[in-house]
N, C-alpha and C. Protein backbone atom coordinates (compact mmCIF):
# COMPACT_ATOMS: atom_id res chain seq x y z
N MET A 1 190.53 24.66 5.32
CA MET A 1 191.55 25.73 5.55
C MET A 1 192.80 25.01 6.11
N PRO A 2 193.67 24.89 4.79
CA PRO A 2 194.99 24.31 4.73
C PRO A 2 195.96 24.73 5.62
N GLN A 3 196.44 24.13 6.51
CA GLN A 3 197.48 24.46 7.51
C GLN A 3 198.94 24.56 7.06
N SER A 4 199.58 25.69 7.54
CA SER A 4 200.96 25.85 7.10
C SER A 4 201.88 25.87 8.35
N ARG A 5 203.17 25.62 8.08
CA ARG A 5 204.24 25.81 9.17
C ARG A 5 204.24 27.12 9.66
N GLY A 6 204.34 27.44 11.06
CA GLY A 6 204.69 28.46 11.32
C GLY A 6 203.20 29.10 11.99
N ARG A 7 202.06 28.63 11.79
CA ARG A 7 200.69 29.14 12.02
C ARG A 7 200.64 28.85 13.95
N GLY A 8 199.95 29.58 14.48
CA GLY A 8 199.64 29.41 15.69
C GLY A 8 198.35 29.79 16.04
N LEU A 9 198.04 29.57 17.10
CA LEU A 9 196.50 29.87 17.54
C LEU A 9 195.84 31.26 17.12
N ALA A 10 197.13 32.17 17.49
CA ALA A 10 196.58 34.00 17.27
C ALA A 10 195.81 34.08 15.88
N SER A 11 196.77 33.33 14.66
CA SER A 11 196.37 33.29 13.33
C SER A 11 195.20 32.24 13.32
N VAL A 12 194.63 31.94 13.97
CA VAL A 12 193.14 30.98 13.75
C VAL A 12 191.83 31.92 13.45
N PRO A 13 191.01 31.75 12.77
CA PRO A 13 189.82 32.83 12.77
C PRO A 13 189.38 32.70 14.37
N GLU A 14 188.83 33.60 14.60
CA GLU A 14 188.12 33.61 15.97
C GLU A 14 186.74 32.57 16.01
N HIS A 15 186.00 32.34 15.14
CA HIS A 15 185.20 31.39 15.10
C HIS A 15 185.58 30.11 15.27
N LEU A 16 186.94 29.76 14.93
CA LEU A 16 187.70 28.39 15.16
C LEU A 16 188.09 27.98 16.32
N ARG A 17 188.09 29.29 17.16
CA ARG A 17 188.49 29.08 18.63
C ARG A 17 187.52 29.12 19.50
N GLN A 18 186.03 28.92 19.14
CA GLN A 18 184.92 28.85 19.93
C GLN A 18 184.77 27.34 19.97
N SER A 19 184.56 26.94 21.10
CA SER A 19 184.38 25.45 21.33
C SER A 19 183.18 25.27 22.20
N ARG A 20 182.46 24.11 21.99
CA ARG A 20 181.19 23.66 22.93
C ARG A 20 181.76 23.36 24.22
N ILE A 21 183.02 23.13 24.64
CA ILE A 21 183.41 23.17 26.04
C ILE A 21 183.42 24.49 26.90
N HIS A 22 183.11 25.67 26.04
CA HIS A 22 182.81 26.62 26.90
C HIS A 22 181.44 26.96 27.24
N THR A 23 180.74 26.22 26.88
CA THR A 23 179.22 26.21 27.28
C THR A 23 178.94 25.14 28.09
N PRO A 24 178.11 25.36 29.13
CA PRO A 24 177.86 24.17 30.10
C PRO A 24 176.66 23.36 29.24
N GLY A 25 176.80 22.15 29.86
CA GLY A 25 175.66 21.29 29.19
C GLY A 25 176.07 20.30 28.39
N CYS A 26 177.40 20.35 27.62
CA CYS A 26 177.87 19.51 26.67
C CYS A 26 177.75 18.54 27.22
N ASP A 27 177.36 17.24 25.99
CA ASP A 27 177.36 15.82 26.51
C ASP A 27 178.64 15.34 25.98
N TRP A 28 179.24 14.34 26.52
CA TRP A 28 180.53 13.56 25.68
C TRP A 28 180.38 12.33 25.58
N GLU A 29 181.07 11.53 24.91
CA GLU A 29 181.13 10.36 24.26
C GLU A 29 182.43 9.82 24.02
N TYR A 30 182.87 8.83 23.88
CA TYR A 30 184.30 8.37 23.83
C TYR A 30 184.34 7.24 22.55
N THR A 31 185.41 7.34 21.85
CA THR A 31 185.59 6.28 20.94
C THR A 31 186.15 4.88 21.98
N ASP A 32 185.73 3.86 21.35
CA ASP A 32 186.13 2.65 22.19
C ASP A 32 187.63 2.81 22.51
N ASP A 33 188.41 3.22 21.37
CA ASP A 33 189.94 2.88 21.62
C ASP A 33 190.46 4.03 22.59
N CYS A 34 189.61 5.40 22.52
CA CYS A 34 190.07 6.23 23.65
C CYS A 34 189.71 5.92 24.99
N ALA A 35 188.31 5.02 25.13
CA ALA A 35 188.08 4.80 26.38
C ALA A 35 189.02 3.98 27.13
N VAL A 36 189.41 2.89 26.45
CA VAL A 36 190.60 1.88 26.59
C VAL A 36 191.95 2.86 27.00
N GLU A 37 192.07 3.77 26.36
CA GLU A 37 193.36 4.63 26.68
C GLU A 37 193.37 5.25 27.92
N LEU A 38 192.15 5.68 28.08
CA LEU A 38 191.69 6.73 29.48
C LEU A 38 191.77 5.58 30.57
N ARG A 39 191.51 4.50 30.53
CA ARG A 39 191.34 3.49 31.39
C ARG A 39 192.85 3.16 31.79
N GLU A 40 193.71 3.02 30.82
CA GLU A 40 195.15 3.13 30.97
C GLU A 40 195.94 4.15 31.81
N LEU A 41 195.55 5.35 31.48
CA LEU A 41 195.94 6.33 32.02
C LEU A 41 195.76 6.61 33.58
N LYS A 42 194.66 6.20 33.72
CA LYS A 42 194.01 5.93 35.25
C LYS A 42 195.03 5.06 36.01
N ARG A 43 195.53 3.88 35.38
CA ARG A 43 196.30 2.91 35.74
C ARG A 43 197.67 3.18 36.20
N ILE A 44 197.88 4.02 34.95
CA ILE A 44 199.72 4.29 34.92
C ILE A 44 199.85 5.75 35.70
N ASP A 45 198.68 6.71 35.56
CA ASP A 45 199.08 7.95 36.32
C ASP A 45 197.87 8.67 36.77
N ARG A 46 197.23 8.10 37.84
CA ARG A 46 196.02 8.44 38.32
C ARG A 46 195.87 9.90 38.42
N ASP A 47 197.16 10.39 38.84
CA ASP A 47 196.85 12.25 38.91
C ASP A 47 196.47 12.99 37.79
N ALA A 48 197.18 12.36 36.53
CA ALA A 48 196.88 13.02 35.26
C ALA A 48 195.80 12.64 34.68
N TRP A 49 194.74 11.43 35.19
CA TRP A 49 193.66 11.23 34.57
C TRP A 49 192.64 11.93 35.31
N GLU A 50 192.98 12.00 36.61
CA GLU A 50 191.97 13.01 37.43
C GLU A 50 192.05 14.74 36.79
N VAL A 51 193.15 15.13 36.54
CA VAL A 51 192.97 16.33 35.80
C VAL A 51 192.33 16.23 34.69
N LEU A 52 192.37 15.21 33.71
CA LEU A 52 191.61 15.31 32.54
C LEU A 52 190.08 15.12 32.83
N ALA A 53 189.74 14.38 33.80
CA ALA A 53 188.50 13.95 34.31
C ALA A 53 187.84 15.34 34.83
N ALA A 54 188.56 16.00 35.56
CA ALA A 54 188.23 17.28 36.15
C ALA A 54 187.60 18.29 34.97
N LEU A 55 188.89 18.34 34.22
CA LEU A 55 188.33 19.31 33.12
C LEU A 55 187.17 19.10 32.04
N ILE A 56 186.92 17.75 31.81
CA ILE A 56 185.58 16.95 31.56
C ILE A 56 184.23 17.79 32.27
N LEU A 57 184.52 17.42 33.54
CA LEU A 57 183.37 17.80 34.06
C LEU A 57 183.16 19.42 34.24
N ASP A 58 184.12 19.91 34.54
CA ASP A 58 183.95 21.35 34.59
C ASP A 58 183.47 22.11 33.02
N ALA A 59 183.73 21.37 31.70
CA ALA A 59 183.27 21.70 30.85
C ALA A 59 181.67 21.24 30.53
N ILE A 60 181.31 20.19 31.11
CA ILE A 60 179.79 19.89 31.26
C ILE A 60 179.20 20.64 32.10
N ASP A 61 179.81 21.04 33.77
CA ASP A 61 179.10 21.71 34.36
C ASP A 61 178.77 23.24 34.21
N VAL A 62 180.08 23.72 34.04
CA VAL A 62 179.91 25.44 34.01
C VAL A 62 180.84 25.91 32.87
N GLY A 63 181.35 25.04 31.81
CA GLY A 63 181.93 25.45 30.73
C GLY A 63 183.30 25.89 31.17
N LEU A 64 184.59 25.70 30.20
CA LEU A 64 185.85 26.07 30.46
C LEU A 64 185.76 27.42 30.13
N ASP A 65 186.87 28.43 30.76
CA ASP A 65 187.31 29.50 30.22
C ASP A 65 187.70 30.07 29.17
N ALA A 66 186.90 30.48 28.30
CA ALA A 66 187.25 30.79 26.89
C ALA A 66 188.57 31.54 27.20
N GLY A 67 189.13 32.43 28.14
CA GLY A 67 190.24 33.00 28.04
C GLY A 67 191.40 32.12 28.38
N ASP A 68 191.24 31.04 28.83
CA ASP A 68 192.30 29.70 29.09
C ASP A 68 192.76 29.28 27.92
N ASN A 69 191.90 29.31 26.69
CA ASN A 69 192.61 28.82 25.51
C ASN A 69 193.95 29.13 25.03
N GLY A 70 194.82 27.93 24.82
CA GLY A 70 196.10 28.08 24.48
C GLY A 70 197.06 27.88 25.83
N GLY A 71 196.41 27.74 26.89
CA GLY A 71 197.24 27.81 28.22
C GLY A 71 197.53 26.41 28.44
N GLY A 72 197.49 26.01 29.92
CA GLY A 72 198.09 25.16 30.30
C GLY A 72 197.09 23.92 30.33
N THR A 73 195.86 24.07 30.41
CA THR A 73 194.62 23.20 30.48
C THR A 73 193.87 22.66 29.34
N TYR A 74 194.31 23.40 28.08
CA TYR A 74 193.48 23.02 27.01
C TYR A 74 193.59 24.00 25.87
N THR A 75 193.59 23.52 24.52
CA THR A 75 193.65 24.48 23.11
C THR A 75 192.75 23.98 22.30
N VAL A 76 192.07 24.73 21.43
CA VAL A 76 190.79 24.79 20.67
C VAL A 76 191.15 25.75 19.81
N PRO A 77 191.23 25.52 18.23
CA PRO A 77 191.63 24.05 17.70
C PRO A 77 193.12 23.47 17.65
N VAL A 78 193.33 22.64 17.52
CA VAL A 78 194.76 21.93 17.56
C VAL A 78 194.70 21.30 16.08
N GLY A 79 196.08 21.09 15.22
CA GLY A 79 196.10 20.64 13.90
C GLY A 79 196.66 21.34 12.75
N TRP A 80 197.44 22.80 13.35
CA TRP A 80 197.70 23.58 12.44
C TRP A 80 198.79 23.05 11.61
N HIS A 81 199.49 21.95 12.09
CA HIS A 81 200.67 21.63 11.01
C HIS A 81 200.15 20.18 10.21
N VAL A 82 198.77 19.60 10.41
CA VAL A 82 198.27 18.79 9.63
C VAL A 82 198.00 18.79 8.43
N ASP A 83 198.60 18.28 7.31
CA ASP A 83 198.46 18.79 5.98
C ASP A 83 197.10 18.24 5.39
N GLN A 84 196.14 19.13 5.30
CA GLN A 84 195.03 18.70 5.37
C GLN A 84 194.55 18.13 3.68
N ARG A 85 195.44 18.43 2.64
CA ARG A 85 195.49 18.00 1.22
C ARG A 85 196.01 16.62 1.21
N ARG A 86 197.00 16.37 2.06
CA ARG A 86 197.66 14.72 2.01
C ARG A 86 196.79 13.99 2.94
N HIS A 87 196.24 14.20 4.18
CA HIS A 87 195.54 13.41 5.04
C HIS A 87 194.09 13.56 4.86
N PHE A 88 193.26 14.33 4.32
CA PHE A 88 191.77 14.62 4.47
C PHE A 88 191.36 14.87 2.69
N SER A 89 191.82 14.36 1.73
CA SER A 89 191.53 14.73 0.42
C SER A 89 190.35 14.23 0.07
N ARG A 90 189.86 13.16 0.70
CA ARG A 90 188.49 12.80 0.61
C ARG A 90 187.36 12.96 1.55
N LYS A 91 187.83 13.59 2.65
CA LYS A 91 186.90 13.88 3.71
C LYS A 91 187.35 15.52 4.20
N THR A 92 186.34 16.03 4.55
CA THR A 92 186.64 17.34 5.21
C THR A 92 187.45 17.20 6.64
N MET A 93 188.26 17.90 6.83
CA MET A 93 189.28 17.81 8.02
C MET A 93 188.59 18.00 9.26
N PRO A 94 188.33 17.41 10.18
CA PRO A 94 187.83 17.77 11.65
C PRO A 94 188.55 18.83 12.60
N TRP A 95 187.80 19.69 12.72
CA TRP A 95 188.17 20.40 13.66
C TRP A 95 188.52 19.45 15.28
N LEU A 96 189.76 19.87 15.83
CA LEU A 96 190.18 19.14 16.80
C LEU A 96 190.59 19.84 18.13
N GLY A 97 190.12 19.50 19.20
CA GLY A 97 190.62 20.12 20.12
C GLY A 97 191.29 19.07 21.30
N GLU A 98 192.37 19.83 22.41
CA GLU A 98 192.80 18.75 23.25
C GLU A 98 192.92 19.58 24.70
N LEU A 99 192.69 18.56 25.53
CA LEU A 99 192.46 18.73 26.89
C LEU A 99 194.08 18.46 27.27
N LYS A 100 194.59 18.99 28.50
CA LYS A 100 196.01 18.70 28.61
C LYS A 100 196.22 18.45 30.19
N ALA A 101 197.30 17.63 30.61
CA ALA A 101 197.23 17.18 31.94
C ALA A 101 198.91 16.67 31.91
N GLU A 102 199.78 17.68 32.76
CA GLU A 102 200.89 16.90 33.22
C GLU A 102 201.07 15.94 33.78
N GLY A 103 202.15 15.27 33.24
CA GLY A 103 202.18 13.83 34.16
C GLY A 103 202.71 13.94 35.52
N THR A 104 202.72 12.92 36.33
CA THR A 104 203.03 13.09 37.74
C THR A 104 204.01 11.97 37.79
N ARG A 105 204.41 11.52 39.12
CA ARG A 105 205.03 10.39 39.36
C ARG A 105 206.40 10.43 38.65
N GLY A 106 207.20 11.90 39.03
CA GLY A 106 208.16 11.99 38.56
C GLY A 106 208.49 11.83 36.77
N LYS A 107 207.65 11.87 36.17
CA LYS A 107 207.77 11.64 34.49
C LYS A 107 207.55 12.94 33.85
N GLN A 108 208.22 13.54 33.13
CA GLN A 108 208.47 14.44 32.29
C GLN A 108 207.60 14.07 31.12
N ILE A 109 206.29 14.19 31.14
CA ILE A 109 205.66 13.77 29.72
C ILE A 109 204.17 14.51 30.15
N ASP A 110 203.83 15.08 29.13
CA ASP A 110 202.26 15.88 29.04
C ASP A 110 201.37 14.94 28.51
N TYR A 111 200.01 14.84 28.93
CA TYR A 111 199.17 13.75 28.47
C TYR A 111 198.00 14.80 27.66
N ARG A 112 197.45 14.25 26.53
CA ARG A 112 196.44 14.83 25.84
C ARG A 112 195.41 14.04 25.71
N LEU A 113 194.24 14.78 25.42
CA LEU A 113 192.85 13.79 25.16
C LEU A 113 192.31 14.89 23.99
N TYR A 114 192.31 14.26 23.07
CA TYR A 114 191.90 14.94 21.69
C TYR A 114 190.39 14.85 21.44
N PHE A 115 189.61 15.71 21.47
CA PHE A 115 188.16 15.73 21.28
C PHE A 115 187.69 16.44 19.61
N LEU A 116 186.47 15.97 19.09
CA LEU A 116 185.97 16.52 18.23
C LEU A 116 184.87 17.01 18.81
N GLU A 117 184.05 17.89 18.18
CA GLU A 117 182.63 18.34 18.13
C GLU A 117 181.93 17.64 17.16
N THR A 118 180.61 16.92 17.46
CA THR A 118 179.82 16.61 16.40
C THR A 118 178.27 17.02 16.81
N ARG A 119 177.69 16.78 15.75
CA ARG A 119 176.24 17.26 15.56
C ARG A 119 175.31 16.10 15.01
N SER A 120 174.00 16.22 15.12
CA SER A 120 173.52 15.17 14.74
C SER A 120 172.81 15.50 13.11
N ALA A 121 172.75 16.94 12.92
CA ALA A 121 172.43 17.49 11.52
C ALA A 121 173.55 18.05 11.01
N PRO A 122 173.69 18.11 9.58
CA PRO A 122 175.00 18.74 9.32
C PRO A 122 175.18 20.21 9.23
N ASP A 123 174.08 20.56 9.26
CA ASP A 123 173.77 22.03 9.78
C ASP A 123 173.43 22.43 10.93
N GLY A 124 173.07 21.42 11.92
CA GLY A 124 172.64 21.92 13.25
C GLY A 124 173.99 22.25 14.39
N GLU A 125 173.65 22.50 15.38
CA GLU A 125 174.52 23.00 16.17
C GLU A 125 175.11 21.91 16.80
N THR A 126 176.44 21.97 17.38
CA THR A 126 177.25 20.74 18.16
C THR A 126 176.65 20.59 19.11
N ASP A 127 176.55 19.14 19.49
CA ASP A 127 175.47 18.94 20.73
C ASP A 127 176.16 17.85 21.41
N LEU A 128 177.33 17.38 20.82
CA LEU A 128 178.20 16.22 21.61
C LEU A 128 179.97 16.39 21.22
N VAL A 129 180.43 15.97 22.30
CA VAL A 129 181.97 16.32 22.38
C VAL A 129 182.11 14.63 22.43
N LEU A 130 183.03 14.60 21.61
CA LEU A 130 183.65 12.97 21.21
C LEU A 130 185.15 13.08 21.89
N GLY A 131 185.46 12.35 22.89
CA GLY A 131 186.71 11.87 22.93
C GLY A 131 187.24 11.12 22.02
N SER A 132 188.49 11.32 21.40
CA SER A 132 188.73 10.58 20.05
C SER A 132 190.22 9.73 20.49
N SER A 133 190.66 10.37 21.15
CA SER A 133 192.22 9.67 21.63
C SER A 133 192.64 10.08 22.66
N ARG A 134 193.67 9.45 23.28
CA ARG A 134 194.62 9.90 24.46
C ARG A 134 196.00 9.07 24.27
N PRO A 135 196.78 9.65 23.32
CA PRO A 135 197.94 9.12 23.06
C PRO A 135 198.79 8.80 24.08
N GLY A 136 199.92 8.51 24.07
CA GLY A 136 201.00 7.84 25.29
C GLY A 136 201.40 8.89 25.84
N GLY A 137 201.38 10.02 25.60
CA GLY A 137 201.93 11.35 26.19
C GLY A 137 203.08 11.76 25.24
N LYS A 138 203.47 13.02 25.37
CA LYS A 138 204.68 13.46 24.83
C LYS A 138 205.55 13.72 25.72
N GLY A 139 206.76 13.82 25.38
CA GLY A 139 207.78 14.38 26.13
C GLY A 139 207.70 15.78 26.12
N VAL A 140 208.61 16.41 27.27
CA VAL A 140 208.69 17.56 27.11
C VAL A 140 210.02 18.08 27.04
N ALA A 141 210.45 19.34 26.75
CA ALA A 141 211.74 19.85 26.52
C ALA A 141 212.20 19.04 25.23
N GLY A 142 213.73 18.25 25.36
CA GLY A 142 214.32 17.79 24.42
C GLY A 142 213.82 16.65 23.88
N ASP A 143 212.77 15.74 24.80
CA ASP A 143 212.00 14.67 24.31
C ASP A 143 210.72 14.86 23.33
N TYR A 144 210.36 15.96 23.16
CA TYR A 144 209.34 16.39 22.22
C TYR A 144 209.47 16.19 20.94
N ASN A 145 208.65 15.58 20.58
CA ASN A 145 208.85 15.27 19.02
C ASN A 145 207.21 15.86 18.29
N PRO A 146 207.56 16.91 17.82
CA PRO A 146 206.60 17.62 17.10
C PRO A 146 205.74 16.72 15.71
N ALA A 147 206.38 15.84 15.10
CA ALA A 147 206.00 15.27 13.91
C ALA A 147 205.22 14.32 14.63
N GLY A 148 205.58 13.48 15.56
CA GLY A 148 204.76 12.65 16.18
C GLY A 148 203.43 13.06 16.97
N GLN A 149 203.27 14.17 17.41
CA GLN A 149 202.10 15.01 17.94
C GLN A 149 201.25 15.27 17.05
N THR A 150 201.87 15.42 15.63
CA THR A 150 200.74 16.00 14.77
C THR A 150 200.35 14.65 13.98
N GLY A 151 201.00 13.21 14.01
CA GLY A 151 200.60 11.93 13.53
C GLY A 151 199.36 11.57 14.81
N ASP A 152 199.46 12.05 16.08
CA ASP A 152 198.67 11.52 16.95
C ASP A 152 197.30 12.50 16.73
N MET A 153 197.23 13.64 16.16
CA MET A 153 196.33 14.42 15.61
C MET A 153 195.55 13.80 14.79
N VAL A 154 196.18 13.23 13.69
CA VAL A 154 195.67 12.81 12.43
C VAL A 154 194.88 11.53 12.82
N LYS A 155 195.58 10.81 13.52
CA LYS A 155 195.17 9.50 13.90
C LYS A 155 193.56 9.93 14.92
N ALA A 156 193.66 10.72 15.56
CA ALA A 156 192.25 11.30 16.58
C ALA A 156 191.34 11.54 15.60
N MET A 157 191.78 12.29 14.41
CA MET A 157 190.65 13.13 13.61
C MET A 157 190.04 11.80 12.65
N TRP A 158 191.01 10.70 12.37
CA TRP A 158 190.33 9.58 11.60
C TRP A 158 189.43 9.09 12.54
N ARG A 159 189.89 8.84 13.74
CA ARG A 159 188.97 7.94 14.88
C ARG A 159 187.68 8.66 14.72
N GLY A 160 187.74 10.04 15.13
CA GLY A 160 186.55 10.79 15.18
C GLY A 160 185.35 10.48 13.91
N ILE A 161 186.00 10.64 12.62
CA ILE A 161 185.33 10.42 11.30
C ILE A 161 184.70 9.03 11.28
N LYS A 162 185.41 8.02 11.76
CA LYS A 162 185.27 6.59 11.84
C LYS A 162 184.01 6.45 12.75
N TRP A 163 183.93 6.88 14.09
CA TRP A 163 182.94 7.07 14.91
C TRP A 163 181.72 7.70 14.72
N CYS A 164 181.74 8.97 13.84
CA CYS A 164 180.89 9.32 13.43
C CYS A 164 179.81 8.47 12.32
N GLU A 165 180.58 8.23 11.40
CA GLU A 165 180.21 7.50 10.02
C GLU A 165 179.56 6.03 10.82
N ALA A 166 180.12 5.52 11.80
CA ALA A 166 179.46 4.41 12.34
C ALA A 166 178.03 4.51 12.96
N GLN A 167 177.90 5.63 13.42
CA GLN A 167 176.65 5.93 14.22
C GLN A 167 175.35 5.94 13.34
N ASP A 168 174.18 5.58 13.78
CA ASP A 168 173.10 5.44 13.12
C ASP A 168 171.76 6.43 13.88
N PRO A 169 171.64 7.71 13.10
CA PRO A 169 171.99 7.93 12.03
C PRO A 169 173.61 8.55 12.06
N VAL A 170 174.15 8.92 11.09
CA VAL A 170 175.40 9.11 10.73
C VAL A 170 175.52 10.35 11.61
N ARG A 171 176.47 10.82 12.32
CA ARG A 171 176.61 12.37 12.81
C ARG A 171 177.81 13.07 12.02
N SER A 172 177.73 14.33 11.79
CA SER A 172 178.42 15.00 11.02
C SER A 172 179.45 16.04 12.28
N TRP A 173 180.85 16.06 11.80
CA TRP A 173 181.70 16.56 12.67
C TRP A 173 182.17 18.02 12.43
N HIS A 174 182.31 19.01 13.43
CA HIS A 174 182.73 20.09 13.30
C HIS A 174 184.17 20.29 12.19
N THR A 175 184.10 21.24 11.30
CA THR A 175 185.26 21.23 10.22
C THR A 175 186.01 22.56 10.48
N TRP A 176 187.05 22.21 9.80
CA TRP A 176 188.14 23.74 9.68
C TRP A 176 187.49 24.69 8.88
N ASP A 177 186.41 24.47 8.38
CA ASP A 177 185.72 25.54 7.39
C ASP A 177 185.07 26.74 8.19
């Protein structure tokens, strides 16, 4: 699904707005880089880290409320502004979600944890959520850089692809198709 400017969550087909995080019992893994980034967040803003950790635990234990999609805690999918033809000409573009946490300690920063959904068989059910990237945080209001956030999403998608391809056996990722 090529993405174009001006698209929002409401214009994304319903089947793409469904996520494994809505169903209890999902397993989580993390790319090595994401694990390091989460440890760094814990060091610099423990409250924001705890929000992300609580969202992950809720996703595992009870599933996140699908009615909250696009609100203050998470959005699935994200990446509407990613140029699929430019960045994913040889691979299928991964479907990407994000968990959100507001910065604390007086910072005007929103933190994101980008994740992919993966499966052990190409046509199988999603059986693993992969935390792929926790960027440095995006500013709010006048400090927000949409191009930078889109670049963070592309980076998260490629990290997820590389992680999936490094597994034995290779894992598949949920796509925008």
